[in-house]
Structures are given as C-alpha cells and as structure tokens.
Amino acid sequence: MPHLYIRGISVDQTKEISTQLVKDLARLCECGEDNFTLEVLNSTFVFDKNEVPAYPFIEVKWFDRGKAIQNQFAGIISKYVRSLGVPEVEVAFSAFLEADYYLNGKSFAEE
C-alpha cells in the first residue's frame, strides 16, 4: 500500500513511468516497491452531451505519512506525469486508519 488510482492517463503512458515512479515513491516512503499498486481506471467523461477527454487525476489511498511526505509524494507523481507531456495533473489523498484496514481478517492496528 499505497494505491494509486489513475484517470486521464493511458495504460501505455502509465507503463512508461511506472518503474522509476514506484522506485522514487518507495524510497520516499521507506517501504518496498511491491507495496505499491497502480490501477489505471477506464472511465468515460461527459460534458454538455459529448464525450470529452479525461482530465489527468491521480487518487492516492494510503496510511497517512504526514504533510511533508505527502507534499513530496504529490511532487514526484506530478513530475513523472508531466514528463509525459501532460500540462497539468491533480493529485488527491485519502488516508486509511490502520484500525480500519485489514489483511486476512486482521487489523493493521493489531500487533
């Protein structure tokens, strides 16, 4: 964990940046690269009766690591997405509480 839900960026674009992106994020979070999930969501966006291109938006679901790490994390994501020629990208965070997150029926808050 963290999970990155990616909209407005293609699977091929995500593949292009995925290796180094995850390496940099793992280094920042001091965790293994295998803790990360990148999911490219296929969505259809509609405005004024027309299908429109999706706006680049990355939603990060994770355990809170503090504002300083969060700011750096968003900066790393933005740097890699913008390296694809994307002029703007939005990043939003949702934090899980360890007590509310389970692996095989056991809360992460349990020792």
PDB file of N, CA and C in Angstrom:
ATOM      1  N   MET A   1       0.878  -1.142   0.000  1.00  0.00           N
ATOM      2  CA  MET A   1       0.000   0.000   0.000  1.00  0.00           C
ATOM      3  C   MET A   1       0.913   1.188   0.000  1.00  0.00           C
ATOM      4  N   PRO A   2       0.896   2.126  -0.703  1.00  0.00           N
ATOM      5  CA  PRO A   2      -0.187   2.931  -1.239  1.00  0.00           C
ATOM      6  C   PRO A   2      -0.761   2.420  -2.573  1.00  0.00           C
ATOM      7  N   HIS A   3      -2.025   2.805  -2.771  1.00  0.00           N
ATOM      8  CA  HIS A   3      -2.724   2.501  -4.012  1.00  0.00           C
ATOM      9  C   HIS A   3      -2.889   3.801  -4.795  1.00  0.00           C
ATOM     10  N   LEU A   4      -2.518   3.787  -6.063  1.00  0.00           N
ATOM     11  CA  LEU A   4      -2.694   4.952  -6.929  1.00  0.00           C
ATOM     12  C   LEU A   4      -3.734   4.602  -7.980  1.00  0.00           C
ATOM     13  N   TYR A   5      -4.838   5.352  -7.988  1.00  0.00           N
ATOM     14  CA  TYR A   5      -5.907   5.180  -8.962  1.00  0.00           C
ATOM     15  C   TYR A   5      -5.744   6.293  -9.993  1.00  0.00           C
ATOM     16  N   ILE A   6      -5.530   5.912 -11.220  1.00  0.00           N
ATOM     17  CA  ILE A   6      -5.084   6.830 -12.265  1.00  0.00           C
ATOM     18  C   ILE A   6      -6.177   7.017 -13.305  1.00  0.00           C
ATOM     19  N   ARG A   7      -6.546   8.271 -13.534  1.00  0.00           N
ATOM     20  CA  ARG A   7      -7.533   8.624 -14.558  1.00  0.00           C
ATOM     21  C   ARG A   7      -6.893   9.626 -15.512  1.00  0.00           C
ATOM     22  N   GLY A   8      -7.279   9.557 -16.767  1.00  0.00           N
ATOM     23  CA  GLY A   8      -6.845  10.552 -17.738  1.00  0.00           C
ATOM     24  C   GLY A   8      -5.443  10.336 -18.266  1.00  0.00           C
ATOM     25  N   ILE A   9      -4.848   9.202 -17.944  1.00  0.00           N
ATOM     26  CA  ILE A   9      -3.529   8.835 -18.441  1.00  0.00           C
ATOM     27  C   ILE A   9      -3.656   7.387 -18.919  1.00  0.00           C
ATOM     28  N   SER A  10      -3.171   7.105 -20.094  1.00  0.00           N
ATOM     29  CA  SER A  10      -3.360   5.771 -20.670  1.00  0.00           C
ATOM     30  C   SER A  10      -2.522   4.713 -19.947  1.00  0.00           C
ATOM     31  N   VAL A  11      -2.888   3.477 -20.196  1.00  0.00           N
ATOM     32  CA  VAL A  11      -2.123   2.351 -19.658  1.00  0.00           C
ATOM     33  C   VAL A  11      -0.681   2.418 -20.163  1.00  0.00           C
ATOM     34  N   ASP A  12      -0.506   2.679 -21.452  1.00  0.00           N
ATOM     35  CA  ASP A  12       0.851   2.753 -22.010  1.00  0.00           C
ATOM     36  C   ASP A  12       1.653   3.886 -21.389  1.00  0.00           C
ATOM     37  N   GLN A  13       1.041   5.039 -21.170  1.00  0.00           N
ATOM     38  CA  GLN A  13       1.736   6.144 -20.512  1.00  0.00           C
ATOM     39  C   GLN A  13       2.123   5.765 -19.083  1.00  0.00           C
ATOM     40  N   THR A  14       1.210   5.095 -18.396  1.00  0.00           N
ATOM     41  CA  THR A  14       1.493   4.679 -17.019  1.00  0.00           C
ATOM     42  C   THR A  14       2.638   3.676 -16.992  1.00  0.00           C
ATOM     43  N   LYS A  15       2.634   2.738 -17.921  1.00  0.00           N
ATOM     44  CA  LYS A  15       3.738   1.767 -18.003  1.00  0.00           C
ATOM     45  C   LYS A  15       5.076   2.474 -18.190  1.00  0.00           C
ATOM     46  N   GLU A  16       5.075   3.502 -19.035  1.00  0.00           N
ATOM     47  CA  GLU A  16       6.305   4.224 -19.351  1.00  0.00           C
ATOM     48  C   GLU A  16       6.970   4.824 -18.110  1.00  0.00           C
ATOM     49  N   ILE A  17       6.172   5.313 -17.176  1.00  0.00           N
ATOM     50  CA  ILE A  17       6.738   5.972 -15.988  1.00  0.00           C
ATOM     51  C   ILE A  17       6.725   5.084 -14.744  1.00  0.00           C
ATOM     52  N   SER A  18       6.084   3.924 -14.821  1.00  0.00           N
ATOM     53  CA  SER A  18       5.805   3.129 -13.619  1.00  0.00           C
ATOM     54  C   SER A  18       7.040   2.681 -12.846  1.00  0.00           C
ATOM     55  N   THR A  19       8.053   2.209 -13.522  1.00  0.00           N
ATOM     56  CA  THR A  19       9.210   1.646 -12.817  1.00  0.00           C
ATOM     57  C   THR A  19       9.912   2.694 -11.966  1.00  0.00           C
ATOM     58  N   GLN A  20      10.298   3.799 -12.576  1.00  0.00           N
ATOM     59  CA  GLN A  20      11.036   4.811 -11.817  1.00  0.00           C
ATOM     60  C   GLN A  20      10.125   5.542 -10.830  1.00  0.00           C
ATOM     61  N   LEU A  21       8.869   5.740 -11.192  1.00  0.00           N
ATOM     62  CA  LEU A  21       7.916   6.364 -10.274  1.00  0.00           C
ATOM     63  C   LEU A  21       7.824   5.573  -8.976  1.00  0.00           C
ATOM     64  N   VAL A  22       7.613   4.278  -9.087  1.00  0.00           N
ATOM     65  CA  VAL A  22       7.476   3.439  -7.893  1.00  0.00           C
ATOM     66  C   VAL A  22       8.787   3.402  -7.112  1.00  0.00           C
ATOM     67  N   LYS A  23       9.916   3.329  -7.787  1.00  0.00           N
ATOM     68  CA  LYS A  23      11.214   3.348  -7.085  1.00  0.00           C
ATOM     69  C   LYS A  23      11.348   4.609  -6.243  1.00  0.00           C
ATOM     70  N   ASP A  24      11.029   5.752  -6.835  1.00  0.00           N
ATOM     71  CA  ASP A  24      11.163   7.020  -6.112  1.00  0.00           C
ATOM     72  C   ASP A  24      10.166   7.128  -4.961  1.00  0.00           C
ATOM     73  N   LEU A  25       8.934   6.683  -5.181  1.00  0.00           N
ATOM     74  CA  LEU A  25       7.935   6.732  -4.115  1.00  0.00           C
ATOM     75  C   LEU A  25       8.281   5.774  -2.980  1.00  0.00           C
ATOM     76  N   ALA A  26       8.776   4.595  -3.316  1.00  0.00           N
ATOM     77  CA  ALA A  26       9.171   3.620  -2.288  1.00  0.00           C
ATOM     78  C   ALA A  26      10.326   4.153  -1.453  1.00  0.00           C
ATOM     79  N   ARG A  27      11.275   4.791  -2.109  1.00  0.00           N
ATOM     80  CA  ARG A  27      12.413   5.386  -1.392  1.00  0.00           C
ATOM     81  C   ARG A  27      11.907   6.456  -0.422  1.00  0.00           C
ATOM     82  N   LEU A  28      10.998   7.305  -0.897  1.00  0.00           N
ATOM     83  CA  LEU A  28      10.439   8.354  -0.047  1.00  0.00           C
ATOM     84  C   LEU A  28       9.701   7.772   1.150  1.00  0.00           C
ATOM     85  N   CYS A  29       8.906   6.739   0.918  1.00  0.00           N
ATOM     86  CA  CYS A  29       8.077   6.147   1.976  1.00  0.00           C
ATOM     87  C   CYS A  29       8.828   5.125   2.823  1.00  0.00           C
ATOM     88  N   GLU A  30      10.056   4.823   2.424  1.00  0.00           N
ATOM     89  CA  GLU A  30      10.877   3.828   3.127  1.00  0.00           C
ATOM     90  C   GLU A  30      10.141   2.500   3.235  1.00  0.00           C
ATOM     91  N   CYS A  31       9.644   2.040   2.075  1.00  0.00           N
ATOM     92  CA  CYS A  31       8.959   0.748   2.023  1.00  0.00           C
ATOM     93  C   CYS A  31       9.323   0.053   0.716  1.00  0.00           C
ATOM     94  N   GLY A  32       8.948  -1.191   0.601  1.00  0.00           N
ATOM     95  CA  GLY A  32       9.259  -1.964  -0.590  1.00  0.00           C
ATOM     96  C   GLY A  32       8.448  -1.528  -1.796  1.00  0.00           C
ATOM     97  N   GLU A  33       9.040  -1.676  -2.968  1.00  0.00           N
ATOM     98  CA  GLU A  33       8.343  -1.337  -4.210  1.00  0.00           C
ATOM     99  C   GLU A  33       7.104  -2.202  -4.417  1.00  0.00           C
ATOM    100  N   ASP A  34       7.112  -3.417  -3.883  1.00  0.00           N
ATOM    101  CA  ASP A  34       5.975  -4.316  -4.042  1.00  0.00           C
ATOM    102  C   ASP A  34       4.775  -3.902  -3.189  1.00  0.00           C
ATOM    103  N   ASN A  35       4.925  -2.860  -2.390  1.00  0.00           N
ATOM    104  CA  ASN A  35       3.801  -2.346  -1.593  1.00  0.00           C
ATOM    105  C   ASN A  35       2.861  -1.470  -2.414  1.00  0.00           C
ATOM    106  N   PHE A  36       3.277  -1.090  -3.624  1.00  0.00           N
ATOM    107  CA  PHE A  36       2.517  -0.139  -4.430  1.00  0.00           C
ATOM    108  C   PHE A  36       1.611  -0.839  -5.426  1.00  0.00           C
ATOM    109  N   THR A  37       0.434  -0.244  -5.630  1.00  0.00           N
ATOM    110  CA  THR A  37      -0.499  -0.688  -6.653  1.00  0.00           C
ATOM    111  C   THR A  37      -0.820   0.507  -7.537  1.00  0.00           C
ATOM    112  N   LEU A  38      -0.646   0.339  -8.843  1.00  0.00           N
ATOM    113  CA  LEU A  38      -1.040   1.358  -9.811  1.00  0.00           C
ATOM    114  C   LEU A  38      -2.213   0.790 -10.596  1.00  0.00           C
ATOM    115  N   GLU A  39      -3.343   1.459 -10.538  1.00  0.00           N
ATOM    116  CA  GLU A  39      -4.533   0.999 -11.252  1.00  0.00           C
ATOM    117  C   GLU A  39      -4.989   2.105 -12.195  1.00  0.00           C
ATOM    118  N   VAL A  40      -5.002   1.797 -13.483  1.00  0.00           N
ATOM    119  CA  VAL A  40      -5.466   2.752 -14.478  1.00  0.00           C
ATOM    120  C   VAL A  40      -6.954   2.495 -14.690  1.00  0.00           C
ATOM    121  N   LEU A  41      -7.747   3.501 -14.391  1.00  0.00           N
ATOM    122  CA  LEU A  41      -9.199   3.373 -14.478  1.00  0.00           C
ATOM    123  C   LEU A  41      -9.679   3.806 -15.860  1.00  0.00           C
ATOM    124  N   ASN A  42     -10.512   2.992 -16.448  1.00  0.00           N
ATOM    125  CA  ASN A  42     -11.091   3.315 -17.741  1.00  0.00           C
ATOM    126  C   ASN A  42     -12.458   3.943 -17.500  1.00  0.00           C
ATOM    127  N   SER A  43     -12.534   5.236 -17.659  1.00  0.00           N
ATOM    128  CA  SER A  43     -13.763   5.972 -17.404  1.00  0.00           C
ATOM    129  C   SER A  43     -14.151   6.768 -18.637  1.00  0.00           C
ATOM    130  N   THR A  44     -15.437   7.023 -18.768  1.00  0.00           N
ATOM    131  CA  THR A  44     -15.934   7.878 -19.831  1.00  0.00           C
ATOM    132  C   THR A  44     -16.407   9.176 -19.198  1.00  0.00           C
ATOM    133  N   PHE A  45     -15.894  10.278 -19.698  1.00  0.00           N
ATOM    134  CA  PHE A  45     -16.257  11.589 -19.170  1.00  0.00           C
ATOM    135  C   PHE A  45     -17.194  12.278 -20.152  1.00  0.00           C
ATOM    136  N   VAL A  46     -18.206  12.930 -19.598  1.00  0.00           N
ATOM    137  CA  VAL A  46     -19.226  13.563 -20.418  1.00  0.00           C
ATOM    138  C   VAL A  46     -19.402  15.005 -19.958  1.00  0.00           C
ATOM    139  N   PHE A  47     -19.501  15.895 -20.948  1.00  0.00           N
ATOM    140  CA  PHE A  47     -19.808  17.295 -20.671  1.00  0.00           C
ATOM    141  C   PHE A  47     -20.646  17.825 -21.821  1.00  0.00           C
ATOM    142  N   ASP A  48     -21.763  18.441 -21.498  1.00  0.00           N
ATOM    143  CA  ASP A  48     -22.621  19.080 -22.490  1.00  0.00           C
ATOM    144  C   ASP A  48     -23.003  18.113 -23.623  1.00  0.00           C
ATOM    145  N   LYS A  49     -23.432  16.921 -23.240  1.00  0.00           N
ATOM    146  CA  LYS A  49     -23.916  15.885 -24.167  1.00  0.00           C
ATOM    147  C   LYS A  49     -22.826  15.269 -25.041  1.00  0.00           C
ATOM    148  N   ASN A  50     -21.571  15.524 -24.720  1.00  0.00           N
ATOM    149  CA  ASN A  50     -20.468  14.985 -25.514  1.00  0.00           C
ATOM    150  C   ASN A  50     -19.482  14.244 -24.621  1.00  0.00           C
ATOM    151  N   GLU A  51     -18.861  13.208 -25.190  1.00  0.00           N
ATOM    152  CA  GLU A  51     -17.736  12.576 -24.504  1.00  0.00           C
ATOM    153  C   GLU A  51     -16.544  13.510 -24.641  1.00  0.00           C
ATOM    154  N   VAL A  52     -15.836  13.682 -23.532  1.00  0.00           N
ATOM    155  CA  VAL A  52     -14.684  14.586 -23.522  1.00  0.00           C
ATOM    156  C   VAL A  52     -13.482  13.840 -22.962  1.00  0.00           C
ATOM    157  N   PRO A  53     -12.288  14.291 -23.291  1.00  0.00           N
ATOM    158  CA  PRO A  53     -11.092  13.630 -22.741  1.00  0.00           C
ATOM    159  C   PRO A  53     -11.067  13.733 -21.221  1.00  0.00           C
ATOM    160  N   ALA A  54     -10.535  12.714 -20.596  1.00  0.00           N
ATOM    161  CA  ALA A  54     -10.418  12.702 -19.141  1.00  0.00           C
ATOM    162  C   ALA A  54      -9.302  13.641 -18.705  1.00  0.00           C
ATOM    163  N   TYR A  55      -9.531  14.317 -17.616  1.00  0.00           N
ATOM    164  CA  TYR A  55      -8.514  15.184 -17.037  1.00  0.00           C
ATOM    165  C   TYR A  55      -7.577  14.316 -16.204  1.00  0.00           C
ATOM    166  N   PRO A  56      -6.271  14.505 -16.288  1.00  0.00           N
ATOM    167  CA  PRO A  56      -5.339  13.701 -15.502  1.00  0.00           C
ATOM    168  C   PRO A  56      -5.553  13.900 -14.000  1.00  0.00           C
ATOM    169  N   PHE A  57      -5.922  12.824 -13.339  1.00  0.00           N
ATOM    170  CA  PHE A  57      -6.242  12.867 -11.914  1.00  0.00           C
ATOM    171  C   PHE A  57      -5.734  11.584 -11.270  1.00  0.00           C
ATOM    172  N   ILE A  58      -4.918  11.713 -10.245  1.00  0.00           N
ATOM    173  CA  ILE A  58      -4.385  10.565  -9.512  1.00  0.00           C
ATOM    174  C   ILE A  58      -4.921  10.629  -8.092  1.00  0.00           C
ATOM    175  N   GLU A  59      -5.613   9.575  -7.688  1.00  0.00           N
ATOM    176  CA  GLU A  59      -6.092   9.479  -6.315  1.00  0.00           C
ATOM    177  C   GLU A  59      -5.193   8.493  -5.578  1.00  0.00           C
ATOM    178  N   VAL A  60      -4.662   8.928  -4.448  1.00  0.00           N
ATOM    179  CA  VAL A  60      -3.764   8.108  -3.645  1.00  0.00           C
ATOM    180  C   VAL A  60      -4.505   7.711  -2.374  1.00  0.00           C
ATOM    181  N   LYS A  61      -4.586   6.409  -2.147  1.00  0.00           N
ATOM    182  CA  LYS A  61      -5.146   5.883  -0.898  1.00  0.00           C
ATOM    183  C   LYS A  61      -4.002   5.227  -0.153  1.00  0.00           C
ATOM    184  N   TRP A  62      -3.805   5.649   1.086  1.00  0.00           N
ATOM    185  CA  TRP A  62      -2.632   5.202   1.834  1.00  0.00           C
ATOM    186  C   TRP A  62      -2.812   5.422   3.320  1.00  0.00           C
ATOM    187  N   PHE A  63      -1.811   5.020   4.105  1.00  0.00           N
ATOM    188  CA  PHE A  63      -1.737   5.382   5.516  1.00  0.00           C
ATOM    189  C   PHE A  63      -1.029   6.725   5.588  1.00  0.00           C
ATOM    190  N   ASP A  64      -1.589   7.642   6.348  1.00  0.00           N
ATOM    191  CA  ASP A  64      -1.029   8.987   6.460  1.00  0.00           C
ATOM    192  C   ASP A  64       0.429   8.932   6.890  1.00  0.00           C
ATOM    193  N   ARG A  65       1.256   9.663   6.193  1.00  0.00           N
ATOM    194  CA  ARG A  65       2.693   9.719   6.492  1.00  0.00           C
ATOM    195  C   ARG A  65       3.138  11.139   6.831  1.00  0.00           C
ATOM    196  N   GLY A  66       2.174  12.008   7.082  1.00  0.00           N
ATOM    197  CA  GLY A  66       2.499  13.385   7.420  1.00  0.00           C
ATOM    198  C   GLY A  66       2.511  14.281   6.197  1.00  0.00           C
ATOM    199  N   LYS A  67       2.336  15.571   6.441  1.00  0.00           N
ATOM    200  CA  LYS A  67       2.200  16.540   5.357  1.00  0.00           C
ATOM    201  C   LYS A  67       3.473  16.676   4.530  1.00  0.00           C
ATOM    202  N   ALA A  68       4.636  16.638   5.157  1.00  0.00           N
ATOM    203  CA  ALA A  68       5.894  16.801   4.410  1.00  0.00           C
ATOM    204  C   ALA A  68       6.071  15.665   3.399  1.00  0.00           C
ATOM    205  N   ILE A  69       5.831  14.424   3.810  1.00  0.00           N
ATOM    206  CA  ILE A  69       5.944  13.280   2.897  1.00  0.00           C
ATOM    207  C   ILE A  69       4.853  13.360   1.835  1.00  0.00           C
ATOM    208  N   GLN A  70       3.654  13.731   2.237  1.00  0.00           N
ATOM    209  CA  GLN A  70       2.556  13.844   1.275  1.00  0.00           C
ATOM    210  C   GLN A  70       2.895  14.874   0.196  1.00  0.00           C
ATOM    211  N   ASN A  71       3.434  16.012   0.578  1.00  0.00           N
ATOM    212  CA  ASN A  71       3.808  17.041  -0.396  1.00  0.00           C
ATOM    213  C   ASN A  71       4.862  16.515  -1.373  1.00  0.00           C
ATOM    214  N   GLN A  72       5.853  15.808  -0.859  1.00  0.00           N
ATOM    215  CA  GLN A  72       6.897  15.245  -1.722  1.00  0.00           C
ATOM    216  C   GLN A  72       6.329  14.166  -2.640  1.00  0.00           C
ATOM    217  N   PHE A  73       5.447  13.336  -2.103  1.00  0.00           N
ATOM    218  CA  PHE A  73       4.805  12.263  -2.855  1.00  0.00           C
ATOM    219  C   PHE A  73       4.041  12.854  -4.044  1.00  0.00           C
ATOM    220  N   ALA A  74       3.246  13.896  -3.784  1.00  0.00           N
ATOM    221  CA  ALA A  74       2.494  14.564  -4.853  1.00  0.00           C
ATOM    222  C   ALA A  74       3.441  15.175  -5.877  1.00  0.00           C
ATOM    223  N   GLY A  75       4.544  15.725  -5.408  1.00  0.00           N
ATOM    224  CA  GLY A  75       5.524  16.313  -6.314  1.00  0.00           C
ATOM    225  C   GLY A  75       6.159  15.283  -7.228  1.00  0.00           C
ATOM    226  N   ILE A  76       6.463  14.120  -6.695  1.00  0.00           N
ATOM    227  CA  ILE A  76       7.057  13.042  -7.500  1.00  0.00           C
ATOM    228  C   ILE A  76       6.066  12.576  -8.560  1.00  0.00           C
ATOM    229  N   ILE A  77       4.821  12.338  -8.156  1.00  0.00           N
ATOM    230  CA  ILE A  77       3.806  11.920  -9.125  1.00  0.00           C
ATOM    231  C   ILE A  77       3.666  12.973 -10.216  1.00  0.00           C
ATOM    232  N   SER A  78       3.561  14.225  -9.832  1.00  0.00           N
ATOM    233  CA  SER A  78       3.378  15.313 -10.800  1.00  0.00           C
ATOM    234  C   SER A  78       4.549  15.388 -11.767  1.00  0.00           C
ATOM    235  N   LYS A  79       5.751  15.225 -11.257  1.00  0.00           N
ATOM    236  CA  LYS A  79       6.946  15.282 -12.115  1.00  0.00           C
ATOM    237  C   LYS A  79       6.890  14.207 -13.199  1.00  0.00           C
ATOM    238  N   TYR A  80       6.560  12.986 -12.818  1.00  0.00           N
ATOM    239  CA  TYR A  80       6.544  11.892 -13.797  1.00  0.00           C
ATOM    240  C   TYR A  80       5.396  12.022 -14.791  1.00  0.00           C
ATOM    241  N   VAL A  81       4.220  12.393 -14.315  1.00  0.00           N
ATOM    242  CA  VAL A  81       3.085  12.551 -15.230  1.00  0.00           C
ATOM    243  C   VAL A  81       3.358  13.691 -16.205  1.00  0.00           C
ATOM    244  N   ARG A  82       3.886  14.783 -15.716  1.00  0.00           N
ATOM    245  CA  ARG A  82       4.171  15.925 -16.590  1.00  0.00           C
ATOM    246  C   ARG A  82       5.292  15.606 -17.576  1.00  0.00           C
ATOM    247  N   SER A  83       6.168  14.658 -17.232  1.00  0.00           N
ATOM    248  CA  SER A  83       7.232  14.252 -18.159  1.00  0.00           C
ATOM    249  C   SER A  83       6.668  13.584 -19.409  1.00  0.00           C
ATOM    250  N   LEU A  84       5.410  13.178 -19.345  1.00  0.00           N
ATOM    251  CA  LEU A  84       4.731  12.569 -20.492  1.00  0.00           C
ATOM    252  C   LEU A  84       4.185  13.624 -21.453  1.00  0.00           C
ATOM    253  N   GLY A  85       4.394  14.892 -21.139  1.00  0.00           N
ATOM    254  CA  GLY A  85       3.853  15.965 -21.956  1.00  0.00           C
ATOM    255  C   GLY A  85       2.476  16.414 -21.503  1.00  0.00           C
ATOM    256  N   VAL A  86       2.062  15.941 -20.342  1.00  0.00           N
ATOM    257  CA  VAL A  86       0.773  16.327 -19.769  1.00  0.00           C
ATOM    258  C   VAL A  86       0.978  17.669 -19.059  1.00  0.00           C
ATOM    259  N   PRO A  87       0.223  18.713 -19.432  1.00  0.00           N
ATOM    260  CA  PRO A  87       0.499  20.033 -18.865  1.00  0.00           C
ATOM    261  C   PRO A  87       0.090  20.203 -17.402  1.00  0.00           C
ATOM    262  N   GLU A  88      -0.954  19.493 -16.975  1.00  0.00           N
ATOM    263  CA  GLU A  88      -1.431  19.610 -15.595  1.00  0.00           C
ATOM    264  C   GLU A  88      -1.896  18.250 -15.105  1.00  0.00           C
ATOM    265  N   VAL A  89      -1.747  18.032 -13.803  1.00  0.00           N
ATOM    266  CA  VAL A  89      -2.249  16.809 -13.173  1.00  0.00           C
ATOM    267  C   VAL A  89      -2.691  17.156 -11.757  1.00  0.00           C
ATOM    268  N   GLU A  90      -3.791  16.592 -11.350  1.00  0.00           N
ATOM    269  CA  GLU A  90      -4.261  16.767  -9.981  1.00  0.00           C
ATOM    270  C   GLU A  90      -3.998  15.481  -9.206  1.00  0.00           C
ATOM    271  N   VAL A  91      -3.619  15.646  -7.939  1.00  0.00           N
ATOM    272  CA  VAL A  91      -3.363  14.518  -7.051  1.00  0.00           C
ATOM    273  C   VAL A  91      -4.163  14.756  -5.778  1.00  0.00           C
ATOM    274  N   ALA A  92      -4.902  13.745  -5.340  1.00  0.00           N
ATOM    275  CA  ALA A  92      -5.684  13.842  -4.110  1.00  0.00           C
ATOM    276  C   ALA A  92      -5.379  12.640  -3.231  1.00  0.00           C
ATOM    277  N   PHE A  93      -5.397  12.855  -1.925  1.00  0.00           N
ATOM    278  CA  PHE A  93      -5.057  11.808  -0.971  1.00  0.00           C
ATOM    279  C   PHE A  93      -6.262  11.467  -0.094  1.00  0.00           C
ATOM    280  N   SER A  94      -6.419  10.179   0.161  1.00  0.00           N
ATOM    281  CA  SER A  94      -7.366   9.665   1.154  1.00  0.00           C
ATOM    282  C   SER A  94      -6.570   8.754   2.063  1.00  0.00           C
ATOM    283  N   ALA A  95      -6.668   9.004   3.352  1.00  0.00           N
ATOM    284  CA  ALA A  95      -5.883   8.222   4.311  1.00  0.00           C
ATOM    285  C   ALA A  95      -6.748   7.163   4.989  1.00  0.00           C
ATOM    286  N   PHE A  96      -6.199   5.958   5.036  1.00  0.00           N
ATOM    287  CA  PHE A  96      -6.817   4.876   5.790  1.00  0.00           C
ATOM    288  C   PHE A  96      -6.316   4.936   7.233  1.00  0.00           C
ATOM    289  N   LEU A  97      -7.179   4.594   8.163  1.00  0.00           N
ATOM    290  CA  LEU A  97      -6.748   4.394   9.542  1.00  0.00           C
ATOM    291  C   LEU A  97      -6.319   2.940   9.667  1.00  0.00           C
ATOM    292  N   GLU A  98      -5.204   2.695  10.325  1.00  0.00           N
ATOM    293  CA  GLU A  98      -4.718   1.319  10.457  1.00  0.00           C
ATOM    294  C   GLU A  98      -5.754   0.419  11.116  1.00  0.00           C
ATOM    295  N   ALA A  99      -6.530   0.956  12.035  1.00  0.00           N
ATOM    296  CA  ALA A  99      -7.555   0.167  12.724  1.00  0.00           C
ATOM    297  C   ALA A  99      -8.678  -0.253  11.780  1.00  0.00           C
ATOM    298  N   ASP A 100      -8.832   0.454  10.670  1.00  0.00           N
ATOM    299  CA  ASP A 100      -9.906   0.165   9.719  1.00  0.00           C
ATOM    300  C   ASP A 100      -9.430  -0.565   8.476  1.00  0.00           C
ATOM    301  N   TYR A 101      -8.183  -0.996   8.453  1.00  0.00           N
ATOM    302  CA  TYR A 101      -7.606  -1.670   7.290  1.00  0.00           C
ATOM    303  C   TYR A 101      -7.197  -3.071   7.717  1.00  0.00           C
ATOM    304  N   TYR A 102      -7.636  -4.076   6.955  1.00  0.00           N
ATOM    305  CA  TYR A 102      -7.443  -5.473   7.345  1.00  0.00           C
ATOM    306  C   TYR A 102      -6.692  -6.250   6.275  1.00  0.00           C
ATOM    307  N   LEU A 103      -5.879  -7.169   6.717  1.00  0.00           N
ATOM    308  CA  LEU A 103      -5.230  -8.140   5.847  1.00  0.00           C
ATOM    309  C   LEU A 103      -5.554  -9.516   6.405  1.00  0.00           C
ATOM    310  N   ASN A 104      -6.241 -10.309   5.604  1.00  0.00           N
ATOM    311  CA  ASN A 104      -6.661 -11.654   6.025  1.00  0.00           C
ATOM    312  C   ASN A 104      -7.397 -11.639   7.349  1.00  0.00           C
ATOM    313  N   GLY A 105      -8.273 -10.649   7.513  1.00  0.00           N
ATOM    314  CA  GLY A 105      -9.116 -10.570   8.699  1.00  0.00           C
ATOM    315  C   GLY A 105      -8.461  -9.957   9.912  1.00  0.00           C
ATOM    316  N   LYS A 106      -7.227  -9.526   9.801  1.00  0.00           N
ATOM    317  CA  LYS A 106      -6.522  -8.956  10.944  1.00  0.00           C
ATOM    318  C   LYS A 106      -6.241  -7.471  10.686  1.00  0.00           C
ATOM    319  N   SER A 107      -6.653  -6.650  11.626  1.00  0.00           N
ATOM    320  CA  SER A 107      -6.462  -5.209  11.514  1.00  0.00           C
ATOM    321  C   SER A 107      -4.982  -4.867  11.563  1.00  0.00           C
ATOM    322  N   PHE A 108      -4.586  -3.882  10.780  1.00  0.00           N
ATOM    323  CA  PHE A 108      -3.210  -3.421  10.801  1.00  0.00           C
ATOM    324  C   PHE A 108      -2.846  -2.789  12.148  1.00  0.00           C
ATOM    325  N   ALA A 109      -3.852  -2.406  12.935  1.00  0.00           N
ATOM    326  CA  ALA A 109      -3.597  -1.806  14.235  1.00  0.00           C
ATOM    327  C   ALA A 109      -3.254  -2.862  15.288  1.00  0.00           C
ATOM    328  N   GLU A 110      -3.578  -4.117  15.018  1.00  0.00           N
ATOM    329  CA  GLU A 110      -3.271  -5.195  15.962  1.00  0.00           C
ATOM    330  C   GLU A 110      -1.800  -5.559  15.875  1.00  0.00           C
ATOM    331  N   GLU A 111      -1.263  -5.883  16.986  1.00  0.00           N
ATOM    332  CA  GLU A 111       0.168  -6.307  16.997  1.00  0.00           C
ATOM    333  C   GLU A 111       0.279  -7.789  16.880  1.00  0.00           C
TER     334      GLU A 111
END
